[in-house]
């Protein structure tokens, strides 16, 4: 699961950094662009992964 999520994070980060991404408003794009706890530093890959896993697992459990 980590390989999949880290792959998505890396791909979206590269798209946004290179300016090749269309203007996206999906959750992952927004999270990649958000500042972390320190306003001068973006969230780390691990923090992004943790947040996405929480959302996916919590959503799955709620739906079940």
Protein backbone atom coordinates (compact mmCIF):
# COMPACT_ATOMS: atom_id res chain seq x y z
CA UNK A 1 0.00 0.00 0.00
CA UNK A 2 2.88 2.35 0.82
CA UNK A 3 4.37 1.92 -2.67
CA UNK A 4 1.06 2.86 -4.26
CA UNK A 5 0.46 5.91 -2.08
CA UNK A 6 4.06 7.15 -2.23
CA UNK A 7 3.93 6.75 -6.03
CA UNK A 8 0.80 8.91 -6.20
CA UNK A 9 2.32 11.52 -3.90
CA UNK A 10 5.57 11.65 -5.91
CA UNK A 11 3.74 11.88 -9.25
CA UNK A 12 1.48 14.68 -8.06
CA UNK A 13 4.38 16.55 -6.45
CA UNK A 14 6.34 16.39 -9.72
CA UNK A 15 3.33 17.53 -11.76
CA UNK A 16 2.74 20.49 -9.49
CA UNK A 17 6.44 21.43 -9.31
CA UNK A 18 6.91 21.30 -13.08
CA UNK A 19 3.69 23.16 -13.83
CA UNK A 20 2.48 20.36 -16.10
CA UNK A 21 -0.53 19.59 -13.94
CA UNK A 22 -3.83 21.11 -14.89
CA UNK A 23 -5.40 23.18 -12.17
CA UNK A 24 -6.48 20.36 -9.88
CA UNK A 25 -8.80 20.58 -6.94
CA UNK A 26 -8.63 16.98 -5.75
CA UNK A 27 -7.70 16.10 -2.19
CA UNK A 28 -4.18 14.90 -2.93
CA UNK A 29 -3.26 18.05 -4.88
CA UNK A 30 -4.56 20.26 -2.12
CA UNK A 31 -2.73 18.28 0.55
CA UNK A 32 0.56 18.37 -1.38
CA UNK A 33 0.28 22.15 -1.58
CA UNK A 34 -0.74 22.69 2.05
CA UNK A 35 1.80 23.84 4.57
CA UNK A 36 2.54 21.51 7.44
CA UNK A 37 2.79 22.49 11.10
CA UNK A 38 5.52 24.99 10.22
CA UNK A 39 4.08 27.50 7.73
CA UNK A 40 7.38 27.54 5.82
CA UNK A 41 7.55 23.80 5.26
CA UNK A 42 5.27 21.51 3.23
CA UNK A 43 4.03 18.26 4.71
CA UNK A 44 6.53 15.42 4.49
CA UNK A 45 5.83 12.38 2.31
CA UNK A 46 5.30 10.34 5.46
CA UNK A 47 2.83 12.84 6.89
CA UNK A 48 0.93 12.93 3.58
CA UNK A 49 0.86 9.13 3.51
CA UNK A 50 -0.39 8.98 7.10
CA UNK A 51 -3.16 11.52 6.41
CA UNK A 52 -4.29 9.71 3.24
CA UNK A 53 -4.29 6.33 4.98
CA UNK A 54 -6.36 7.76 7.83
CA UNK A 55 -8.92 9.12 5.38
CA UNK A 56 -9.10 5.89 3.39
CA UNK A 57 -9.35 3.60 6.42
CA UNK A 58 -11.79 5.82 8.28
CA UNK A 59 -13.96 6.13 5.15
CA UNK A 60 -13.90 2.37 4.62
CA UNK A 61 -14.80 1.61 8.21
CA UNK A 62 -17.62 4.17 8.19
CA UNK A 63 -19.03 2.77 4.96
CA UNK A 64 -18.84 -0.80 6.25
